[in-house]
């Protein structure tokens, strides 16, 4: 079962990561569900690559969430640094700390910032080096500053993410597949979602 994942974090003691949220975000001592490649459209942009995954999770139509995950990775997609999750009750984004196998979760407030997809696209266009540094990718941030990156992909990223919000005939099938993928990840990375009140 482990061969289906590109990389599995080293096993550690399973502890609750429940913390009081702070203005700096909430530290989660686990790695996120890996990208489902067959549901992801990739946009190569020089030193980075952006994936838009059409996510679905749930056991039935009454308990299901669908929407895009926007993944910001290095050019060869071996490491992910930023993830915008535009689904579920609480829209959110993550800085992925690869060296520690942790992530920092920030909630998104659409009342203040408007729809999340255009906001995420604007953040990437205007602040990508800052976001990369927040995820511990200082060298990549410097490379982006020095060589630039292909921001022209952002129009297609925004379109693909907006498409992933729309209902599809295969939503139930994809939702069950997404849950199975999550349970398989939890089996090999038991720290995943070890928050007392964590919702996916």
N, C-alpha and C. Protein backbone atom coordinates (compact mmCIF):
# COMPACT_ATOMS: atom_id res chain seq x y z
N UNK A 1 0.82 -1.21 0.00
CA UNK A 1 0.00 0.00 0.00
C UNK A 1 0.86 1.26 0.00
N UNK A 2 2.04 1.19 0.60
CA UNK A 2 2.85 2.40 0.73
C UNK A 2 3.42 2.87 -0.59
N UNK A 3 3.50 1.99 -1.61
CA UNK A 3 4.13 2.41 -2.86
C UNK A 3 3.29 3.41 -3.64
N UNK A 4 2.02 3.61 -3.27
CA UNK A 4 1.18 4.56 -4.00
C UNK A 4 1.49 6.01 -3.63
N UNK A 5 2.20 6.23 -2.52
CA UNK A 5 2.54 7.58 -2.09
C UNK A 5 4.00 7.86 -2.44
N UNK A 6 4.27 9.05 -2.93
CA UNK A 6 5.64 9.42 -3.30
C UNK A 6 6.55 9.44 -2.09
N UNK A 7 6.04 9.91 -0.98
CA UNK A 7 6.87 10.06 0.22
C UNK A 7 5.99 9.97 1.45
N UNK A 8 6.43 9.19 2.43
CA UNK A 8 5.70 9.05 3.68
C UNK A 8 6.59 9.60 4.80
N UNK A 9 6.09 10.54 5.62
CA UNK A 9 6.90 11.07 6.70
C UNK A 9 7.31 9.97 7.68
N UNK A 10 8.45 10.17 8.30
CA UNK A 10 8.94 9.24 9.31
C UNK A 10 7.94 9.14 10.46
N UNK A 11 7.70 7.91 10.92
CA UNK A 11 6.74 7.69 12.01
C UNK A 11 7.21 8.37 13.29
N UNK A 12 6.28 9.02 13.96
CA UNK A 12 6.55 9.66 15.24
C UNK A 12 5.43 9.32 16.20
N UNK A 13 5.62 9.66 17.45
CA UNK A 13 4.58 9.42 18.44
C UNK A 13 3.33 10.20 18.07
N UNK A 14 2.17 9.54 18.15
CA UNK A 14 0.91 10.19 17.81
C UNK A 14 0.44 11.00 19.01
N UNK A 15 0.34 12.30 18.83
CA UNK A 15 -0.09 13.21 19.89
C UNK A 15 -1.20 14.10 19.37
N UNK A 16 -2.03 14.61 20.25
CA UNK A 16 -2.98 15.63 19.86
C UNK A 16 -2.23 16.91 19.55
N UNK A 17 -2.60 17.55 18.45
CA UNK A 17 -1.96 18.80 18.06
C UNK A 17 -2.87 19.99 18.34
N UNK A 18 -3.91 19.79 19.13
CA UNK A 18 -4.86 20.86 19.39
C UNK A 18 -4.15 22.03 20.07
N UNK A 19 -4.30 23.19 19.49
CA UNK A 19 -3.72 24.39 20.05
C UNK A 19 -4.73 25.52 19.97
N UNK A 20 -4.52 26.53 20.76
CA UNK A 20 -5.33 27.73 20.63
C UNK A 20 -4.88 28.46 19.36
N UNK A 21 -5.81 28.71 18.41
CA UNK A 21 -5.41 29.41 17.20
C UNK A 21 -4.80 30.77 17.53
N UNK A 22 -3.76 31.13 16.82
CA UNK A 22 -3.12 32.42 17.03
C UNK A 22 -3.14 33.19 15.72
N UNK A 23 -2.72 34.42 15.79
CA UNK A 23 -2.70 35.24 14.59
C UNK A 23 -1.72 34.70 13.56
N UNK A 24 -0.75 33.89 14.00
CA UNK A 24 0.23 33.32 13.08
C UNK A 24 -0.23 32.02 12.46
N UNK A 25 -1.45 31.60 12.71
CA UNK A 25 -1.92 30.34 12.16
C UNK A 25 -1.80 29.23 13.18
N UNK A 26 -2.29 28.05 12.82
CA UNK A 26 -2.30 26.91 13.73
C UNK A 26 -1.35 25.85 13.20
N UNK A 27 -0.38 25.46 14.03
CA UNK A 27 0.59 24.44 13.65
C UNK A 27 -0.04 23.07 13.75
N UNK A 28 0.05 22.32 12.67
CA UNK A 28 -0.40 20.93 12.64
C UNK A 28 0.82 20.05 12.46
N UNK A 29 1.01 19.10 13.36
CA UNK A 29 2.21 18.28 13.34
C UNK A 29 2.02 17.03 12.49
N UNK A 30 1.56 17.25 11.26
CA UNK A 30 1.40 16.16 10.32
C UNK A 30 1.45 16.73 8.90
N UNK A 31 1.59 15.83 7.94
CA UNK A 31 1.56 16.24 6.53
C UNK A 31 0.16 16.02 5.96
N UNK A 32 -0.18 16.82 4.99
CA UNK A 32 -1.52 16.81 4.40
C UNK A 32 -1.72 15.59 3.50
N UNK A 33 -2.99 15.33 3.19
CA UNK A 33 -3.31 14.25 2.25
C UNK A 33 -2.55 14.50 0.95
N UNK A 34 -1.85 13.51 0.42
CA UNK A 34 -1.14 13.71 -0.84
C UNK A 34 -2.09 14.04 -1.99
N UNK A 35 -1.54 14.68 -2.98
CA UNK A 35 -2.29 15.07 -4.18
C UNK A 35 -2.75 13.81 -4.92
N UNK A 36 -3.99 13.82 -5.37
CA UNK A 36 -4.48 12.75 -6.25
C UNK A 36 -4.20 13.20 -7.68
N UNK A 37 -3.16 12.65 -8.26
CA UNK A 37 -2.67 13.14 -9.55
C UNK A 37 -3.72 13.06 -10.65
N UNK A 38 -4.52 12.01 -10.67
CA UNK A 38 -5.48 11.84 -11.77
C UNK A 38 -6.66 12.80 -11.69
N UNK A 39 -6.75 13.55 -10.59
CA UNK A 39 -7.77 14.60 -10.50
C UNK A 39 -7.14 15.99 -10.53
N UNK A 40 -5.87 16.06 -10.95
CA UNK A 40 -5.13 17.32 -10.89
C UNK A 40 -4.68 17.75 -12.28
N UNK A 41 -4.88 19.02 -12.57
CA UNK A 41 -4.38 19.63 -13.80
C UNK A 41 -3.20 20.51 -13.42
N UNK A 42 -2.07 20.32 -14.11
CA UNK A 42 -0.84 21.02 -13.77
C UNK A 42 -0.54 22.15 -14.73
N UNK A 43 0.06 23.21 -14.18
CA UNK A 43 0.46 24.38 -14.94
C UNK A 43 1.92 24.66 -14.61
N UNK A 44 2.80 24.40 -15.55
CA UNK A 44 4.23 24.65 -15.34
C UNK A 44 4.50 26.13 -15.52
N UNK A 45 5.25 26.71 -14.58
CA UNK A 45 5.45 28.16 -14.57
C UNK A 45 6.89 28.52 -14.24
N UNK A 46 7.85 27.85 -14.89
CA UNK A 46 9.25 28.15 -14.62
C UNK A 46 9.72 27.43 -13.38
N UNK A 47 10.18 28.14 -12.35
CA UNK A 47 10.71 27.49 -11.15
C UNK A 47 9.65 26.85 -10.26
N UNK A 48 8.38 27.11 -10.55
CA UNK A 48 7.30 26.49 -9.78
C UNK A 48 6.34 25.78 -10.72
N UNK A 49 5.52 24.94 -10.14
CA UNK A 49 4.42 24.31 -10.86
C UNK A 49 3.19 24.41 -9.97
N UNK A 50 2.05 24.76 -10.58
CA UNK A 50 0.80 24.92 -9.83
C UNK A 50 -0.17 23.84 -10.29
N UNK A 51 -0.71 23.09 -9.34
CA UNK A 51 -1.70 22.07 -9.64
C UNK A 51 -3.06 22.48 -9.11
N UNK A 52 -4.09 22.23 -9.91
CA UNK A 52 -5.46 22.44 -9.46
C UNK A 52 -6.12 21.07 -9.39
N UNK A 53 -6.41 20.65 -8.18
CA UNK A 53 -7.00 19.33 -7.95
C UNK A 53 -8.50 19.50 -7.70
N UNK A 54 -9.31 18.74 -8.42
CA UNK A 54 -10.75 18.73 -8.19
C UNK A 54 -11.03 17.77 -7.04
N UNK A 55 -11.12 18.32 -5.83
CA UNK A 55 -11.24 17.51 -4.61
C UNK A 55 -12.70 17.15 -4.34
N UNK A 56 -12.89 16.00 -3.74
CA UNK A 56 -14.20 15.59 -3.25
C UNK A 56 -13.97 14.65 -2.08
N UNK A 57 -14.73 14.83 -1.02
CA UNK A 57 -14.64 13.98 0.16
C UNK A 57 -16.04 13.78 0.72
N UNK A 58 -16.35 12.56 1.12
CA UNK A 58 -17.64 12.30 1.76
C UNK A 58 -18.12 10.89 1.48
N UNK A 59 -19.06 10.45 2.32
CA UNK A 59 -19.59 9.09 2.20
C UNK A 59 -20.89 9.04 1.40
N UNK A 60 -21.61 10.18 1.34
CA UNK A 60 -22.87 10.20 0.60
C UNK A 60 -23.20 11.64 0.23
N UNK A 61 -24.30 11.81 -0.51
CA UNK A 61 -24.64 13.14 -1.03
C UNK A 61 -24.95 14.14 0.08
N UNK A 62 -25.41 13.66 1.24
CA UNK A 62 -25.75 14.55 2.33
C UNK A 62 -24.52 15.00 3.13
N UNK A 63 -23.45 14.25 3.03
CA UNK A 63 -22.22 14.56 3.77
C UNK A 63 -21.05 14.52 2.81
N UNK A 64 -20.97 15.54 1.96
CA UNK A 64 -19.96 15.57 0.93
C UNK A 64 -19.50 17.00 0.71
N UNK A 65 -18.21 17.16 0.45
CA UNK A 65 -17.67 18.47 0.08
C UNK A 65 -16.92 18.33 -1.23
N UNK A 66 -17.04 19.33 -2.07
CA UNK A 66 -16.32 19.35 -3.34
C UNK A 66 -15.74 20.74 -3.56
N UNK A 67 -14.66 20.80 -4.30
CA UNK A 67 -14.04 22.08 -4.61
C UNK A 67 -12.57 21.89 -4.91
N UNK A 68 -11.90 22.96 -5.29
CA UNK A 68 -10.50 22.84 -5.68
C UNK A 68 -9.52 22.94 -4.51
N UNK A 69 -8.43 22.21 -4.66
CA UNK A 69 -7.20 22.47 -3.92
C UNK A 69 -6.21 23.03 -4.94
N UNK A 70 -5.61 24.15 -4.62
CA UNK A 70 -4.59 24.74 -5.48
C UNK A 70 -3.25 24.49 -4.81
N UNK A 71 -2.40 23.72 -5.49
CA UNK A 71 -1.13 23.28 -4.93
C UNK A 71 0.03 24.05 -5.58
N UNK A 72 0.90 24.61 -4.78
CA UNK A 72 2.08 25.31 -5.28
C UNK A 72 3.31 24.46 -4.93
N UNK A 73 3.99 23.98 -5.98
CA UNK A 73 5.11 23.06 -5.82
C UNK A 73 6.35 23.61 -6.51
N UNK A 74 7.48 22.94 -6.29
CA UNK A 74 8.66 23.27 -7.08
C UNK A 74 8.45 22.74 -8.50
N UNK A 75 9.39 23.04 -9.40
CA UNK A 75 9.19 22.76 -10.82
C UNK A 75 8.98 21.27 -11.09
N UNK A 76 9.72 20.40 -10.39
CA UNK A 76 9.56 18.96 -10.65
C UNK A 76 8.48 18.32 -9.78
N UNK A 77 7.76 19.14 -9.00
CA UNK A 77 6.61 18.70 -8.19
C UNK A 77 6.99 17.71 -7.10
N UNK A 78 8.25 17.71 -6.71
CA UNK A 78 8.68 16.79 -5.66
C UNK A 78 8.34 17.31 -4.27
N UNK A 79 8.14 18.63 -4.13
CA UNK A 79 7.76 19.21 -2.84
C UNK A 79 6.66 20.24 -3.05
N UNK A 80 5.68 20.20 -2.17
CA UNK A 80 4.59 21.19 -2.16
C UNK A 80 4.85 22.15 -1.01
N UNK A 81 4.56 23.44 -1.24
CA UNK A 81 4.84 24.47 -0.24
C UNK A 81 3.61 25.20 0.25
N UNK A 82 2.64 25.39 -0.64
CA UNK A 82 1.44 26.15 -0.31
C UNK A 82 0.25 25.40 -0.87
N UNK A 83 -0.83 25.35 -0.09
CA UNK A 83 -2.06 24.71 -0.57
C UNK A 83 -3.24 25.58 -0.16
N UNK A 84 -4.05 25.95 -1.14
CA UNK A 84 -5.29 26.68 -0.91
C UNK A 84 -6.45 25.69 -1.06
N UNK A 85 -7.23 25.48 -0.01
CA UNK A 85 -8.35 24.55 -0.02
C UNK A 85 -9.66 25.32 -0.03
N UNK A 86 -10.35 25.26 -1.17
CA UNK A 86 -11.57 26.05 -1.36
C UNK A 86 -12.76 25.09 -1.34
N UNK A 87 -13.01 24.51 -0.17
CA UNK A 87 -14.13 23.58 -0.01
C UNK A 87 -14.44 23.44 1.48
N UNK A 88 -15.60 22.88 1.76
CA UNK A 88 -15.97 22.59 3.13
C UNK A 88 -16.52 23.81 3.86
N UNK A 89 -16.78 23.62 5.15
CA UNK A 89 -17.38 24.69 5.96
C UNK A 89 -16.41 25.83 6.19
N UNK A 90 -15.13 25.50 6.29
CA UNK A 90 -14.13 26.52 6.61
C UNK A 90 -13.10 26.56 5.49
N UNK A 91 -13.16 27.59 4.64
CA UNK A 91 -12.14 27.77 3.62
C UNK A 91 -10.81 28.06 4.31
N UNK A 92 -9.73 27.56 3.72
CA UNK A 92 -8.45 27.68 4.44
C UNK A 92 -7.29 27.49 3.48
N UNK A 93 -6.10 27.76 4.00
CA UNK A 93 -4.88 27.49 3.24
C UNK A 93 -3.78 27.06 4.19
N UNK A 94 -2.76 26.43 3.61
CA UNK A 94 -1.68 25.85 4.41
C UNK A 94 -0.32 26.31 3.89
N UNK A 95 0.60 26.55 4.81
CA UNK A 95 2.03 26.57 4.50
C UNK A 95 2.56 25.19 4.88
N UNK A 96 3.24 24.54 3.96
CA UNK A 96 3.71 23.17 4.18
C UNK A 96 5.20 23.21 4.50
N UNK A 97 5.53 22.77 5.70
CA UNK A 97 6.90 22.81 6.20
C UNK A 97 7.54 21.45 5.99
N UNK A 98 8.14 21.25 4.82
CA UNK A 98 8.64 19.94 4.44
C UNK A 98 9.74 19.43 5.36
N UNK A 99 10.61 20.30 5.84
CA UNK A 99 11.71 19.85 6.70
C UNK A 99 11.21 19.21 7.99
N UNK A 100 10.09 19.70 8.51
CA UNK A 100 9.56 19.21 9.78
C UNK A 100 8.40 18.24 9.61
N UNK A 101 7.90 18.07 8.36
CA UNK A 101 6.70 17.27 8.11
C UNK A 101 5.51 17.83 8.89
N UNK A 102 5.40 19.15 8.92
CA UNK A 102 4.30 19.84 9.57
C UNK A 102 3.62 20.77 8.55
N UNK A 103 2.53 21.37 8.96
CA UNK A 103 1.93 22.44 8.15
C UNK A 103 1.30 23.46 9.08
N UNK A 104 1.17 24.67 8.57
CA UNK A 104 0.52 25.74 9.32
C UNK A 104 -0.77 26.10 8.60
N UNK A 105 -1.86 26.00 9.32
CA UNK A 105 -3.20 26.25 8.77
C UNK A 105 -3.65 27.66 9.08
N UNK A 106 -4.16 28.33 8.06
CA UNK A 106 -4.79 29.64 8.24
C UNK A 106 -6.22 29.54 7.71
N UNK A 107 -7.18 30.00 8.49
CA UNK A 107 -8.54 30.11 8.00
C UNK A 107 -8.68 31.29 7.05
N UNK A 108 -9.64 31.20 6.14
CA UNK A 108 -9.89 32.28 5.19
C UNK A 108 -11.25 32.90 5.47
N UNK A 109 -11.31 34.22 5.49
CA UNK A 109 -12.54 34.94 5.78
C UNK A 109 -13.08 35.59 4.50
N UNK A 110 -14.08 34.96 3.85
CA UNK A 110 -14.61 35.53 2.61
C UNK A 110 -15.39 36.82 2.83
N UNK A 111 -15.90 37.05 4.04
CA UNK A 111 -16.62 38.29 4.31
C UNK A 111 -15.69 39.50 4.19
N UNK A 112 -14.45 39.31 4.61
CA UNK A 112 -13.47 40.40 4.53
C UNK A 112 -12.80 40.44 3.16
N UNK A 113 -12.44 39.27 2.65
CA UNK A 113 -11.58 39.20 1.47
C UNK A 113 -12.29 38.88 0.16
N UNK A 114 -13.58 38.56 0.21
CA UNK A 114 -14.30 38.20 -1.00
C UNK A 114 -14.07 36.74 -1.35
N UNK A 115 -14.50 36.32 -2.55
CA UNK A 115 -14.32 34.92 -2.96
C UNK A 115 -12.85 34.50 -2.90
N UNK A 116 -12.63 33.25 -2.48
CA UNK A 116 -11.26 32.84 -2.19
C UNK A 116 -10.41 32.60 -3.43
N UNK A 117 -11.00 32.09 -4.50
CA UNK A 117 -10.18 31.76 -5.67
C UNK A 117 -9.49 33.00 -6.25
N UNK A 118 -10.23 34.08 -6.54
CA UNK A 118 -9.53 35.28 -7.03
C UNK A 118 -8.51 35.82 -6.04
N UNK A 119 -8.82 35.71 -4.75
CA UNK A 119 -7.87 36.16 -3.72
C UNK A 119 -6.59 35.33 -3.77
N UNK A 120 -6.73 34.00 -3.88
CA UNK A 120 -5.55 33.13 -3.93
C UNK A 120 -4.70 33.43 -5.17
N UNK A 121 -5.36 33.64 -6.29
CA UNK A 121 -4.64 33.96 -7.53
C UNK A 121 -3.89 35.28 -7.38
N UNK A 122 -4.54 36.27 -6.79
CA UNK A 122 -3.87 37.56 -6.57
C UNK A 122 -2.69 37.43 -5.61
N UNK A 123 -2.87 36.61 -4.57
CA UNK A 123 -1.77 36.41 -3.62
C UNK A 123 -0.57 35.78 -4.31
N UNK A 124 -0.82 34.81 -5.18
CA UNK A 124 0.28 34.19 -5.92
C UNK A 124 0.96 35.19 -6.85
N UNK A 125 0.16 35.98 -7.54
CA UNK A 125 0.72 36.94 -8.48
C UNK A 125 1.55 38.01 -7.78
N UNK A 126 1.05 38.49 -6.64
CA UNK A 126 1.67 39.64 -5.99
C UNK A 126 2.66 39.30 -4.88
N UNK A 127 2.54 38.08 -4.29
CA UNK A 127 3.30 37.82 -3.06
C UNK A 127 3.94 36.43 -3.01
N UNK A 128 4.15 35.81 -4.16
CA UNK A 128 4.66 34.44 -4.17
C UNK A 128 5.96 34.27 -3.37
N UNK A 129 6.98 35.11 -3.55
CA UNK A 129 8.20 34.91 -2.75
C UNK A 129 7.96 34.95 -1.24
N UNK A 130 7.09 35.86 -0.81
CA UNK A 130 6.76 35.95 0.62
C UNK A 130 6.08 34.68 1.10
N UNK A 131 5.15 34.15 0.30
CA UNK A 131 4.46 32.92 0.67
C UNK A 131 5.45 31.75 0.74
N UNK A 132 6.34 31.66 -0.22
CA UNK A 132 7.33 30.58 -0.22
C UNK A 132 8.22 30.65 1.01
N UNK A 133 8.64 31.86 1.37
CA UNK A 133 9.48 31.99 2.58
C UNK A 133 8.72 31.57 3.83
N UNK A 134 7.43 31.87 3.89
CA UNK A 134 6.63 31.46 5.04
C UNK A 134 6.54 29.94 5.15
N UNK A 135 6.72 29.26 4.01
CA UNK A 135 6.71 27.80 3.99
C UNK A 135 8.11 27.21 4.11
N UNK A 136 9.10 28.05 4.37
CA UNK A 136 10.46 27.56 4.55
C UNK A 136 11.24 27.33 3.27
N UNK A 137 10.72 27.83 2.15
CA UNK A 137 11.37 27.62 0.84
C UNK A 137 12.10 28.89 0.41
N UNK A 138 13.07 29.32 1.21
CA UNK A 138 13.76 30.59 0.96
C UNK A 138 14.54 30.57 -0.35
N UNK A 139 15.21 29.47 -0.64
CA UNK A 139 16.00 29.40 -1.89
C UNK A 139 15.11 29.51 -3.12
N UNK A 140 13.97 28.83 -3.09
CA UNK A 140 13.04 28.92 -4.21
C UNK A 140 12.47 30.32 -4.32
N UNK A 141 12.18 30.96 -3.19
CA UNK A 141 11.68 32.33 -3.20
C UNK A 141 12.69 33.26 -3.86
N UNK A 142 13.96 33.09 -3.52
CA UNK A 142 15.01 33.92 -4.14
C UNK A 142 15.10 33.66 -5.63
N UNK A 143 14.99 32.40 -6.02
CA UNK A 143 15.03 32.07 -7.45
C UNK A 143 13.88 32.74 -8.19
N UNK A 144 12.68 32.70 -7.59
CA UNK A 144 11.51 33.35 -8.21
C UNK A 144 11.77 34.85 -8.36
N UNK A 145 12.36 35.47 -7.35
CA UNK A 145 12.65 36.90 -7.42
C UNK A 145 13.69 37.21 -8.50
N UNK A 146 14.69 36.37 -8.61
CA UNK A 146 15.80 36.65 -9.54
C UNK A 146 15.47 36.30 -10.98
N UNK A 147 14.76 35.20 -11.20
CA UNK A 147 14.49 34.75 -12.57
C UNK A 147 13.06 35.00 -13.02
N UNK A 148 12.18 35.28 -12.06
CA UNK A 148 10.78 35.45 -12.40
C UNK A 148 10.09 34.11 -12.58
N UNK A 149 8.81 34.16 -12.85
CA UNK A 149 8.04 32.94 -13.13
C UNK A 149 6.91 33.30 -14.07
N UNK A 150 6.31 32.32 -14.69
CA UNK A 150 5.31 32.55 -15.73
C UNK A 150 3.94 32.80 -15.11
N UNK A 151 3.66 34.06 -14.79
CA UNK A 151 2.38 34.41 -14.17
C UNK A 151 1.22 34.27 -15.14
N UNK A 152 1.51 34.09 -16.43
CA UNK A 152 0.42 33.96 -17.41
C UNK A 152 -0.43 32.72 -17.17
N UNK A 153 0.09 31.73 -16.42
CA UNK A 153 -0.70 30.53 -16.15
C UNK A 153 -1.85 30.81 -15.19
N UNK A 154 -1.81 31.93 -14.50
CA UNK A 154 -2.79 32.17 -13.45
C UNK A 154 -4.22 32.29 -13.97
N UNK A 155 -4.39 32.79 -15.19
CA UNK A 155 -5.74 32.84 -15.76
C UNK A 155 -6.33 31.44 -15.87
N UNK A 156 -5.53 30.49 -16.35
CA UNK A 156 -6.00 29.11 -16.48
C UNK A 156 -6.15 28.44 -15.12
N UNK A 157 -5.28 28.78 -14.18
CA UNK A 157 -5.42 28.26 -12.82
C UNK A 157 -6.76 28.69 -12.24
N UNK A 158 -7.09 29.96 -12.41
CA UNK A 158 -8.36 30.46 -11.88
C UNK A 158 -9.55 29.78 -12.55
N UNK A 159 -9.48 29.58 -13.86
CA UNK A 159 -10.58 28.90 -14.57
C UNK A 159 -10.74 27.47 -14.09
N UNK A 160 -9.62 26.74 -13.97
CA UNK A 160 -9.68 25.35 -13.53
C UNK A 160 -10.22 25.24 -12.11
N UNK A 161 -9.81 26.16 -11.24
CA UNK A 161 -10.30 26.13 -9.86
C UNK A 161 -11.79 26.43 -9.80
N UNK A 162 -12.25 27.38 -10.60
CA UNK A 162 -13.68 27.70 -10.64
C UNK A 162 -14.50 26.53 -11.17
N UNK A 163 -13.97 25.81 -12.16
CA UNK A 163 -14.64 24.63 -12.69
C UNK A 163 -14.78 23.55 -11.62
N UNK A 164 -13.76 23.43 -10.76
CA UNK A 164 -13.78 22.39 -9.72
C UNK A 164 -14.83 22.66 -8.65
N UNK A 165 -15.37 23.88 -8.60
CA UNK A 165 -16.44 24.20 -7.66
C UNK A 165 -17.81 23.70 -8.14
N UNK A 166 -17.93 23.45 -9.43
CA UNK A 166 -19.22 23.11 -10.02
C UNK A 166 -19.57 21.64 -9.75
N UNK A 167 -20.86 21.36 -9.53
CA UNK A 167 -21.28 19.96 -9.35
C UNK A 167 -20.97 19.14 -10.60
N UNK A 168 -20.62 17.86 -10.38
CA UNK A 168 -20.34 16.93 -11.47
C UNK A 168 -21.11 15.64 -11.23
N UNK A 169 -21.37 14.92 -12.31
CA UNK A 169 -22.12 13.68 -12.20
C UNK A 169 -21.38 12.64 -11.37
N UNK A 170 -20.07 12.71 -11.35
CA UNK A 170 -19.29 11.70 -10.63
C UNK A 170 -18.89 12.16 -9.23
N UNK A 171 -19.57 13.16 -8.68
CA UNK A 171 -19.20 13.69 -7.37
C UNK A 171 -19.19 12.61 -6.28
N UNK A 172 -20.21 11.78 -6.24
CA UNK A 172 -20.29 10.74 -5.20
C UNK A 172 -19.14 9.75 -5.35
N UNK A 173 -18.88 9.34 -6.56
CA UNK A 173 -17.79 8.39 -6.81
C UNK A 173 -16.46 9.00 -6.38
N UNK A 174 -16.24 10.26 -6.77
CA UNK A 174 -14.98 10.92 -6.41
C UNK A 174 -14.88 11.15 -4.90
N UNK A 175 -16.02 11.45 -4.26
CA UNK A 175 -16.02 11.69 -2.82
C UNK A 175 -15.63 10.42 -2.06
N UNK A 176 -16.19 9.29 -2.46
CA UNK A 176 -15.84 8.03 -1.81
C UNK A 176 -14.38 7.66 -2.08
N UNK A 177 -13.94 7.93 -3.30
CA UNK A 177 -12.53 7.70 -3.64
C UNK A 177 -11.63 8.58 -2.79
N UNK A 178 -12.04 9.84 -2.59
CA UNK A 178 -11.26 10.75 -1.76
C UNK A 178 -11.18 10.29 -0.32
N UNK A 179 -12.28 9.76 0.21
CA UNK A 179 -12.27 9.25 1.58
C UNK A 179 -11.35 8.04 1.69
N UNK A 180 -11.42 7.15 0.71
CA UNK A 180 -10.55 5.97 0.71
C UNK A 180 -9.09 6.38 0.68
N UNK A 181 -8.77 7.39 -0.14
CA UNK A 181 -7.41 7.92 -0.24
C UNK A 181 -6.96 8.48 1.10
N UNK A 182 -7.87 9.22 1.77
CA UNK A 182 -7.54 9.79 3.07
C UNK A 182 -7.29 8.69 4.10
N UNK A 183 -8.12 7.65 4.12
CA UNK A 183 -7.94 6.56 5.09
C UNK A 183 -6.64 5.80 4.82
N UNK A 184 -6.28 5.64 3.56
CA UNK A 184 -5.01 4.98 3.24
C UNK A 184 -3.83 5.82 3.73
N UNK A 185 -3.95 7.15 3.58
CA UNK A 185 -2.90 8.04 4.08
C UNK A 185 -2.80 7.96 5.60
N UNK A 186 -3.94 7.95 6.27
CA UNK A 186 -3.96 7.85 7.73
C UNK A 186 -3.33 6.53 8.19
N UNK A 187 -3.50 5.46 7.41
CA UNK A 187 -2.95 4.16 7.79
C UNK A 187 -1.43 4.17 7.78
N UNK A 188 -0.83 4.93 6.87
CA UNK A 188 0.64 4.96 6.80
C UNK A 188 1.23 6.18 7.49
N UNK A 189 0.40 7.17 7.78
CA UNK A 189 0.86 8.39 8.46
C UNK A 189 -0.14 8.69 9.59
N UNK A 190 -0.07 7.91 10.70
CA UNK A 190 -1.12 8.00 11.73
C UNK A 190 -1.23 9.34 12.43
N UNK A 191 -0.22 10.21 12.29
CA UNK A 191 -0.34 11.54 12.88
C UNK A 191 -1.40 12.38 12.18
N UNK A 192 -1.76 12.01 10.94
CA UNK A 192 -2.67 12.84 10.16
C UNK A 192 -3.98 13.08 10.89
N UNK A 193 -4.39 14.34 10.92
CA UNK A 193 -5.66 14.77 11.53
C UNK A 193 -5.79 14.39 12.99
N UNK A 194 -4.69 14.49 13.73
CA UNK A 194 -4.75 14.19 15.16
C UNK A 194 -5.11 15.44 15.96
N UNK A 195 -6.13 16.13 15.47
CA UNK A 195 -6.70 17.27 16.20
C UNK A 195 -8.02 16.83 16.80
N UNK A 196 -8.30 17.28 17.99
CA UNK A 196 -9.52 16.84 18.67
C UNK A 196 -10.78 17.19 17.90
N UNK A 197 -10.79 18.36 17.26
CA UNK A 197 -12.00 18.80 16.56
C UNK A 197 -11.71 19.09 15.09
N UNK A 198 -10.75 18.39 14.52
CA UNK A 198 -10.36 18.68 13.14
C UNK A 198 -11.43 18.21 12.17
N UNK A 199 -11.74 19.03 11.19
CA UNK A 199 -12.63 18.65 10.10
C UNK A 199 -11.84 18.72 8.81
N UNK A 200 -12.13 17.80 7.90
CA UNK A 200 -11.40 17.81 6.62
C UNK A 200 -11.94 18.86 5.70
